[in-house]
C-alpha atoms as a PDB file:
ATOM      1  CA  UNK A   1       0.224   0.033  -0.200  1.00  0.00           C
ATOM      2  CA  UNK A   2       1.374   3.784  -0.338  1.00  0.00           C
ATOM      3  CA  UNK A   3       0.555   6.341   2.282  1.00  0.00           C
ATOM      4  CA  UNK A   4       0.939   8.979  -0.763  1.00  0.00           C
ATOM      5  CA  UNK A   5      -2.320   8.288  -2.652  1.00  0.00           C
ATOM      6  CA  UNK A   6      -4.637  11.686  -3.755  1.00  0.00           C
ATOM      7  CA  UNK A   7      -8.358  11.005  -4.693  1.00  0.00           C
ATOM      8  CA  UNK A   8      -9.629  14.074  -6.617  1.00  0.00           C
ATOM      9  CA  UNK A   9     -11.478  15.064  -9.303  1.00  0.00           C
ATOM     10  CA  UNK A  10     -10.868  14.288 -13.376  1.00  0.00           C
ATOM     11  CA  UNK A  11     -10.774  17.621 -15.110  1.00  0.00           C
ATOM     12  CA  UNK A  12      -9.169  18.243 -18.212  1.00  0.00           C
ATOM     13  CA  UNK A  13      -5.623  18.143 -17.154  1.00  0.00           C
ATOM     14  CA  UNK A  14      -5.545  14.378 -16.457  1.00  0.00           C
ATOM     15  CA  UNK A  15      -6.911  13.754 -20.280  1.00  0.00           C
ATOM     16  CA  UNK A  16      -3.645  12.736 -21.819  1.00  0.00           C
ATOM     17  CA  UNK A  17      -2.437  10.298 -19.235  1.00  0.00           C
ATOM     18  CA  UNK A  18      -5.931   9.265 -18.441  1.00  0.00           C
ATOM     19  CA  UNK A  19      -6.438   8.173 -22.574  1.00  0.00           C
ATOM     20  CA  UNK A  20      -2.618   7.018 -21.901  1.00  0.00           C
ATOM     21  CA  UNK A  21      -3.691   4.867 -19.302  1.00  0.00           C
ATOM     22  CA  UNK A  22      -6.549   3.835 -21.278  1.00  0.00           C
ATOM     23  CA  UNK A  23      -4.629   3.045 -24.172  1.00  0.00           C
ATOM     24  CA  UNK A  24      -1.851   0.383 -21.870  1.00  0.00           C
ATOM     25  CA  UNK A  25      -5.557  -1.140 -20.062  1.00  0.00           C
ATOM     26  CA  UNK A  26      -7.913  -2.014 -22.558  1.00  0.00           C
ATOM     27  CA  UNK A  27      -8.382  -3.188 -26.135  1.00  0.00           C
ATOM     28  CA  UNK A  28     -10.955  -0.623 -26.908  1.00  0.00           C
ATOM     29  CA  UNK A  29      -9.945   2.202 -25.117  1.00  0.00           C
ATOM     30  CA  UNK A  30     -11.346   5.371 -24.184  1.00  0.00           C
ATOM     31  CA  UNK A  31     -10.117   7.992 -26.436  1.00  0.00           C
ATOM     32  CA  UNK A  32      -9.285  11.425 -24.908  1.00  0.00           C
ATOM     33  CA  UNK A  33     -12.090  12.980 -26.933  1.00  0.00           C
ATOM     34  CA  UNK A  34     -14.661  10.150 -24.766  1.00  0.00           C
ATOM     35  CA  UNK A  35     -13.284  10.833 -21.609  1.00  0.00           C
ATOM     36  CA  UNK A  36     -13.611  14.942 -22.196  1.00  0.00           C
ATOM     37  CA  UNK A  37     -17.137  13.879 -22.757  1.00  0.00           C
ATOM     38  CA  UNK A  38     -17.537  12.168 -19.350  1.00  0.00           C
ATOM     39  CA  UNK A  39     -16.229  15.592 -17.626  1.00  0.00           C
ATOM     40  CA  UNK A  40     -19.971  18.313 -19.033  1.00  0.00           C
ATOM     41  CA  UNK A  41     -22.153  14.905 -18.238  1.00  0.00           C
ATOM     42  CA  UNK A  42     -24.158  15.987 -14.929  1.00  0.00           C
ATOM     43  CA  UNK A  43     -24.376  11.818 -13.759  1.00  0.00           C
ATOM     44  CA  UNK A  44     -20.420  10.870 -14.388  1.00  0.00           C
ATOM     45  CA  UNK A  45     -19.014  10.708 -11.102  1.00  0.00           C
ATOM     46  CA  UNK A  46     -14.636  10.095 -12.112  1.00  0.00           C
ATOM     47  CA  UNK A  47     -12.082   9.857  -9.688  1.00  0.00           C
ATOM     48  CA  UNK A  48      -8.248  10.486 -10.951  1.00  0.00           C
ATOM     49  CA  UNK A  49      -5.282   8.574  -8.046  1.00  0.00           C
ATOM     50  CA  UNK A  50      -2.415  11.201  -7.787  1.00  0.00           C
ATOM     51  CA  UNK A  51       0.920   8.974  -6.226  1.00  0.00           C
ATOM     52  CA  UNK A  52       3.603  10.838  -6.448  1.00  0.00           C
ATOM     53  CA  UNK A  53       2.388  13.641  -8.040  1.00  0.00           C
ATOM     54  CA  UNK A  54       1.696  12.183 -10.940  1.00  0.00           C
ATOM     55  CA  UNK A  55      -1.549  10.257 -12.413  1.00  0.00           C
ATOM     56  CA  UNK A  56      -1.074   6.334 -10.953  1.00  0.00           C
ATOM     57  CA  UNK A  57      -5.023   5.257 -11.702  1.00  0.00           C
ATOM     58  CA  UNK A  58      -8.512   5.982 -12.414  1.00  0.00           C
ATOM     59  CA  UNK A  59     -11.957   5.023 -12.063  1.00  0.00           C
ATOM     60  CA  UNK A  60     -15.510   6.680 -14.078  1.00  0.00           C
ATOM     61  CA  UNK A  61     -19.168   5.310 -13.781  1.00  0.00           C
ATOM     62  CA  UNK A  62     -22.074   7.364 -13.921  1.00  0.00           C
ATOM     63  CA  UNK A  63     -24.757   7.640 -11.556  1.00  0.00           C
ATOM     64  CA  UNK A  64     -28.448   6.961 -13.311  1.00  0.00           C
ATOM     65  CA  UNK A  65     -31.415   7.842 -10.879  1.00  0.00           C
ATOM     66  CA  UNK A  66     -28.868   6.178  -7.676  1.00  0.00           C
ATOM     67  CA  UNK A  67     -27.454   3.938  -9.128  1.00  0.00           C
ATOM     68  CA  UNK A  68     -24.140   3.940  -9.411  1.00  0.00           C
ATOM     69  CA  UNK A  69     -22.441   1.535 -13.344  1.00  0.00           C
ATOM     70  CA  UNK A  70     -18.558   1.292 -12.300  1.00  0.00           C
ATOM     71  CA  UNK A  71     -17.888   1.587 -16.708  1.00  0.00           C
ATOM     72  CA  UNK A  72     -14.059   1.683 -15.457  1.00  0.00           C
ATOM     73  CA  UNK A  73     -11.000   1.307 -13.066  1.00  0.00           C
ATOM     74  CA  UNK A  74      -7.411   1.152 -14.532  1.00  0.00           C
ATOM     75  CA  UNK A  75      -3.775   2.337 -12.729  1.00  0.00           C
ATOM     76  CA  UNK A  76      -0.722   2.167 -14.715  1.00  0.00           C
ATOM     77  CA  UNK A  77       0.988  -1.215 -14.291  1.00  0.00           C
ATOM     78  CA  UNK A  78       4.105  -0.177 -12.752  1.00  0.00           C
ATOM     79  CA  UNK A  79       1.531   1.505  -9.576  1.00  0.00           C
ATOM     80  CA  UNK A  80      -0.315  -2.009  -9.708  1.00  0.00           C
ATOM     81  CA  UNK A  81      -0.408  -3.732  -6.642  1.00  0.00           C
ATOM     82  CA  UNK A  82       0.207  -0.930  -4.248  1.00  0.00           C
ATOM     83  CA  UNK A  83      -4.201  -0.565  -3.387  1.00  0.00           C
ATOM     84  CA  UNK A  84      -4.673   2.615  -5.865  1.00  0.00           C
ATOM     85  CA  UNK A  85      -7.596   0.333  -7.449  1.00  0.00           C
ATOM     86  CA  UNK A  86      -9.407  -0.449  -3.777  1.00  0.00           C
ATOM     87  CA  UNK A  87      -8.752   3.291  -2.910  1.00  0.00           C
ATOM     88  CA  UNK A  88     -10.720   4.722  -5.675  1.00  0.00           C
ATOM     89  CA  UNK A  89     -13.552   2.151  -5.572  1.00  0.00           C
ATOM     90  CA  UNK A  90     -13.857   3.123  -2.406  1.00  0.00           C
ATOM     91  CA  UNK A  91     -13.408   6.670  -2.553  1.00  0.00           C
ATOM     92  CA  UNK A  92     -16.416   6.425  -5.223  1.00  0.00           C
ATOM     93  CA  UNK A  93     -18.596   3.943  -2.700  1.00  0.00           C
ATOM     94  CA  UNK A  94     -18.150   6.664   0.176  1.00  0.00           C
ATOM     95  CA  UNK A  95     -19.595   9.600  -2.656  1.00  0.00           C
ATOM     96  CA  UNK A  96     -22.586   7.452  -3.591  1.00  0.00           C
ATOM     97  CA  UNK A  97     -22.886   6.577  -0.030  1.00  0.00           C
ATOM     98  CA  UNK A  98     -22.519  11.283   0.781  1.00  0.00           C
ATOM     99  CA  UNK A  99     -25.135  10.655  -2.293  1.00  0.00           C
ATOM    100  CA  UNK A 100     -27.827   8.849  -0.704  1.00  0.00           C
ATOM    101  CA  UNK A 101     -27.198   5.925  -3.703  1.00  0.00           C
ATOM    102  CA  UNK A 102     -29.118   2.798  -3.398  1.00  0.00           C
ATOM    103  CA  UNK A 103     -26.686   0.580  -5.380  1.00  0.00           C
ATOM    104  CA  UNK A 104     -22.893   0.138  -6.875  1.00  0.00           C
ATOM    105  CA  UNK A 105     -22.304  -2.152  -9.572  1.00  0.00           C
ATOM    106  CA  UNK A 106     -19.463  -3.065 -11.983  1.00  0.00           C
ATOM    107  CA  UNK A 107     -18.928  -6.197 -14.810  1.00  0.00           C
ATOM    108  CA  UNK A 108     -16.015  -7.505 -15.165  1.00  0.00           C
ATOM    109  CA  UNK A 109     -14.910 -10.369 -17.714  1.00  0.00           C
ATOM    110  CA  UNK A 110     -14.989 -13.786 -16.201  1.00  0.00           C
ATOM    111  CA  UNK A 111     -11.363 -13.858 -16.574  1.00  0.00           C
ATOM    112  CA  UNK A 112     -10.403 -11.200 -14.827  1.00  0.00           C
ATOM    113  CA  UNK A 113      -9.231 -12.031 -11.697  1.00  0.00           C
ATOM    114  CA  UNK A 114      -6.886  -9.313  -9.742  1.00  0.00           C
ATOM    115  CA  UNK A 115     -10.585  -6.896 -10.972  1.00  0.00           C
ATOM    116  CA  UNK A 116     -13.065  -9.486  -9.402  1.00  0.00           C
ATOM    117  CA  UNK A 117     -10.768  -9.984  -6.248  1.00  0.00           C
ATOM    118  CA  UNK A 118     -10.684  -6.492  -6.208  1.00  0.00           C
ATOM    119  CA  UNK A 119     -14.302  -6.367  -6.287  1.00  0.00           C
ATOM    120  CA  UNK A 120     -13.960  -8.594  -3.854  1.00  0.00           C
ATOM    121  CA  UNK A 121     -12.123  -6.703  -1.543  1.00  0.00           C
ATOM    122  CA  UNK A 122     -15.183  -4.137  -1.157  1.00  0.00           C
ATOM    123  CA  UNK A 123     -17.531  -7.008   0.264  1.00  0.00           C
ATOM    124  CA  UNK A 124     -18.055  -4.854   3.656  1.00  0.00           C
ATOM    125  CA  UNK A 125     -21.353  -3.963   1.871  1.00  0.00           C
ATOM    126  CA  UNK A 126     -23.436  -6.276   1.907  1.00  0.00           C
ATOM    127  CA  UNK A 127     -22.887  -7.159  -1.853  1.00  0.00           C
ATOM    128  CA  UNK A 128     -24.500  -9.551  -4.452  1.00  0.00           C
ATOM    129  CA  UNK A 129     -22.071 -11.464  -6.866  1.00  0.00           C
ATOM    130  CA  UNK A 130     -23.134 -13.475 -10.224  1.00  0.00           C
ATOM    131  CA  UNK A 131     -22.082 -14.633 -13.236  1.00  0.00           C
ATOM    132  CA  UNK A 132     -23.535 -13.657 -16.215  1.00  0.00           C
ATOM    133  CA  UNK A 133     -22.873 -13.764 -20.560  1.00  0.00           C
ATOM    134  CA  UNK A 134     -22.876  -9.822 -21.830  1.00  0.00           C
ATOM    135  CA  UNK A 135     -23.768  -8.825 -25.441  1.00  0.00           C
ATOM    136  CA  UNK A 136     -21.204  -9.942 -27.699  1.00  0.00           C
ATOM    137  CA  UNK A 137     -20.935 -12.879 -25.385  1.00  0.00           C
ATOM    138  CA  UNK A 138     -17.901 -13.290 -22.847  1.00  0.00           C
ATOM    139  CA  UNK A 139     -18.873 -14.804 -19.940  1.00  0.00           C
ATOM    140  CA  UNK A 140     -19.003 -11.748 -17.763  1.00  0.00           C
ATOM    141  CA  UNK A 141     -19.324 -11.480 -13.910  1.00  0.00           C
ATOM    142  CA  UNK A 142     -20.942  -8.893 -11.872  1.00  0.00           C
ATOM    143  CA  UNK A 143     -21.052  -7.522  -8.465  1.00  0.00           C
ATOM    144  CA  UNK A 144     -23.821  -5.436  -6.832  1.00  0.00           C
ATOM    145  CA  UNK A 145     -22.786  -3.675  -3.919  1.00  0.00           C
ATOM    146  CA  UNK A 146     -26.004  -2.545  -2.148  1.00  0.00           C
ATOM    147  CA  UNK A 147     -25.555   0.950  -0.578  1.00  0.00           C
ATOM    148  CA  UNK A 148     -28.876   1.234   1.560  1.00  0.00           C
END
Protein backbone atom coordinates (compact mmCIF):
# COMPACT_ATOMS: atom_id res chain seq x y z
CA UNK A 1 0.00 0.00 0.00
CA UNK A 2 1.31 3.45 -0.92
CA UNK A 3 0.67 6.17 1.67
CA UNK A 4 0.86 9.04 -0.80
CA UNK A 5 -2.37 8.51 -2.80
CA UNK A 6 -4.61 11.50 -3.41
CA UNK A 7 -8.01 11.03 -5.06
CA UNK A 8 -9.41 14.00 -6.95
CA UNK A 9 -12.20 14.67 -9.39
CA UNK A 10 -11.12 14.17 -13.02
CA UNK A 11 -10.42 17.40 -14.87
CA UNK A 12 -9.05 18.56 -18.22
CA UNK A 13 -5.42 18.33 -17.03
CA UNK A 14 -5.75 14.55 -16.51
CA UNK A 15 -7.09 13.63 -19.95
CA UNK A 16 -3.83 12.98 -21.83
CA UNK A 17 -2.56 10.66 -19.09
CA UNK A 18 -5.91 8.87 -18.85
CA UNK A 19 -6.08 8.32 -22.62
CA UNK A 20 -2.60 6.77 -22.42
CA UNK A 21 -3.72 4.60 -19.48
CA UNK A 22 -6.78 3.48 -21.46
CA UNK A 23 -4.51 2.34 -24.32
CA UNK A 24 -2.30 0.46 -21.87
CA UNK A 25 -5.20 -1.35 -20.19
CA UNK A 26 -8.04 -1.92 -22.64
CA UNK A 27 -8.42 -3.48 -26.09
CA UNK A 28 -11.06 -0.86 -26.92
CA UNK A 29 -9.74 2.21 -25.10
CA UNK A 30 -11.65 5.42 -24.52
CA UNK A 31 -10.13 8.34 -26.41
CA UNK A 32 -9.18 11.66 -24.88
CA UNK A 33 -12.28 13.08 -26.55
CA UNK A 34 -14.55 10.42 -25.01
CA UNK A 35 -13.09 11.11 -21.57
CA UNK A 36 -13.59 14.86 -22.11
CA UNK A 37 -17.27 14.20 -22.83
CA UNK A 38 -17.61 12.68 -19.34
CA UNK A 39 -16.50 16.01 -17.84
CA UNK A 40 -19.66 17.58 -19.26
CA UNK A 41 -22.11 14.93 -18.00
CA UNK A 42 -24.00 15.78 -14.85
CA UNK A 43 -24.33 12.13 -13.85
CA UNK A 44 -20.65 11.19 -14.47
CA UNK A 45 -18.48 10.36 -11.46
CA UNK A 46 -14.85 10.16 -12.59
CA UNK A 47 -11.99 10.26 -10.10
CA UNK A 48 -8.21 10.17 -10.57
CA UNK A 49 -5.55 8.78 -8.23
CA UNK A 50 -2.42 10.92 -7.95
CA UNK A 51 0.67 9.21 -6.61
CA UNK A 52 4.10 10.86 -6.40
CA UNK A 53 2.67 13.89 -8.27
CA UNK A 54 1.52 11.88 -11.29
CA UNK A 55 -1.64 10.14 -12.44
CA UNK A 56 -1.53 6.53 -11.26
CA UNK A 57 -5.09 5.41 -12.02
CA UNK A 58 -8.73 6.33 -12.34
CA UNK A 59 -12.29 5.16 -11.87
CA UNK A 60 -15.25 6.25 -13.96
CA UNK A 61 -18.92 5.68 -13.25
CA UNK A 62 -22.34 7.09 -13.98
CA UNK A 63 -25.11 7.71 -11.47
CA UNK A 64 -28.45 6.86 -13.06
CA UNK A 65 -31.37 7.52 -10.70
CA UNK A 66 -29.38 6.50 -7.64
CA UNK A 67 -27.76 3.47 -9.22
CA UNK A 68 -24.03 3.87 -9.89
CA UNK A 69 -22.64 1.91 -12.82
CA UNK A 70 -18.85 1.60 -12.91
CA UNK A 71 -17.55 2.01 -16.45
CA UNK A 72 -13.81 1.59 -15.86
CA UNK A 73 -11.18 1.15 -13.21
CA UNK A 74 -7.61 1.33 -14.47
CA UNK A 75 -4.18 1.62 -12.86
CA UNK A 76 -0.86 2.12 -14.64
CA UNK A 77 1.20 -1.11 -14.60
CA UNK A 78 3.98 0.38 -12.49
CA UNK A 79 1.46 1.28 -9.75
CA UNK A 80 -0.44 -2.00 -9.60
CA UNK A 81 -0.42 -3.97 -6.37
CA UNK A 82 -0.24 -0.88 -4.14
CA UNK A 83 -3.94 -0.49 -3.30
CA UNK A 84 -4.70 2.26 -5.79
CA UNK A 85 -7.62 0.46 -7.44
CA UNK A 86 -9.08 -0.33 -4.03
CA UNK A 87 -8.66 3.31 -2.92
CA UNK A 88 -10.46 4.49 -6.04
CA UNK A 89 -13.34 2.04 -5.62
CA UNK A 90 -13.73 2.85 -1.92
CA UNK A 91 -13.76 6.58 -2.78
CA UNK A 92 -16.52 6.04 -5.34
CA UNK A 93 -18.52 4.02 -2.79
CA UNK A 94 -18.12 6.82 -0.22
CA UNK A 95 -19.28 9.48 -2.71
CA UNK A 96 -22.20 7.26 -3.74
CA UNK A 97 -23.24 6.84 -0.10
CA UNK A 98 -23.03 10.60 0.45
CA UNK A 99 -25.29 11.09 -2.58
CA UNK A 100 -27.77 8.61 -1.05
CA UNK A 101 -27.42 6.16 -3.96
CA UNK A 102 -28.96 2.71 -3.65
CA UNK A 103 -26.25 0.57 -5.22
CA UNK A 104 -22.93 0.40 -7.07
CA UNK A 105 -22.45 -2.17 -9.83
CA UNK A 106 -19.43 -3.37 -11.73
CA UNK A 107 -19.09 -5.92 -14.52
CA UNK A 108 -15.79 -7.62 -15.42
CA UNK A 109 -14.76 -10.60 -17.51
CA UNK A 110 -14.61 -13.84 -15.54
CA UNK A 111 -10.99 -14.18 -16.68
CA UNK A 112 -10.05 -10.81 -15.11
CA UNK A 113 -8.96 -12.20 -11.76
CA UNK A 114 -7.36 -8.99 -10.39
CA UNK A 115 -10.57 -7.02 -11.00
CA UNK A 116 -12.69 -9.73 -9.38
CA UNK A 117 -10.40 -9.82 -6.33
CA UNK A 118 -10.58 -6.04 -6.04
CA UNK A 119 -14.36 -6.09 -6.06
CA UNK A 120 -14.51 -8.95 -3.57
CA UNK A 121 -12.20 -6.99 -1.19
CA UNK A 122 -14.87 -4.32 -0.90
CA UNK A 123 -17.43 -6.72 0.56
CA UNK A 124 -17.73 -4.62 3.70
CA UNK A 125 -21.10 -3.64 2.28
CA UNK A 126 -23.84 -6.12 1.49
CA UNK A 127 -22.68 -7.53 -1.84
CA UNK A 128 -24.44 -9.70 -4.38
CA UNK A 129 -22.15 -11.47 -6.88
CA UNK A 130 -23.26 -13.39 -9.94
CA UNK A 131 -22.02 -14.66 -13.29
CA UNK A 132 -23.63 -13.77 -16.62
CA UNK A 133 -22.89 -13.48 -20.33
CA UNK A 134 -22.57 -10.02 -21.85
CA UNK A 135 -23.95 -8.81 -25.19
CA UNK A 136 -20.89 -9.96 -27.16
CA UNK A 137 -20.87 -13.45 -25.68
CA UNK A 138 -18.11 -13.06 -23.07
CA UNK A 139 -18.64 -14.73 -19.73
CA UNK A 140 -18.73 -11.95 -17.16
CA UNK A 141 -18.81 -11.52 -13.41
CA UNK A 142 -21.17 -8.90 -12.04
CA UNK A 143 -21.19 -7.44 -8.59
CA UNK A 144 -23.78 -5.25 -6.97
CA UNK A 145 -23.07 -3.42 -3.72
CA UNK A 146 -26.23 -2.39 -1.93
CA UNK A 147 -25.74 0.92 -0.13
CA UNK A 148 -28.75 0.86 2.18
